[in-house]
Amino acid sequence: DIGFSVEYISSTGQVT
């Protein structure tokens, strides 16, 4: 969410 890890949201891989 704030730039710490990789989070998978909705079926998409988003690096946050």
Protein backbone atom coordinates (compact mmCIF):
# COMPACT_ATOMS: atom_id res chain seq x y z
CA ASP A 1 0.00 0.00 0.00
CA ILE A 2 2.68 2.54 0.80
CA GLY A 3 5.77 1.23 -0.95
CA PHE A 4 6.99 -1.59 1.27
CA SER A 5 6.24 -4.82 -0.61
CA VAL A 6 4.44 -6.50 -3.47
CA GLU A 7 0.73 -6.61 -3.06
CA TYR A 8 -1.68 -8.33 -5.37
CA ILE A 9 -4.82 -6.33 -6.00
CA SER A 10 -7.77 -7.63 -8.04
CA SER A 11 -5.87 -10.10 -10.24
CA THR A 12 -3.12 -7.64 -11.04
CA GLY A 13 0.36 -7.66 -9.57
CA GLN A 14 1.14 -4.20 -8.35
CA VAL A 15 4.45 -3.31 -6.78
CA THR A 16 3.62 -0.73 -4.13
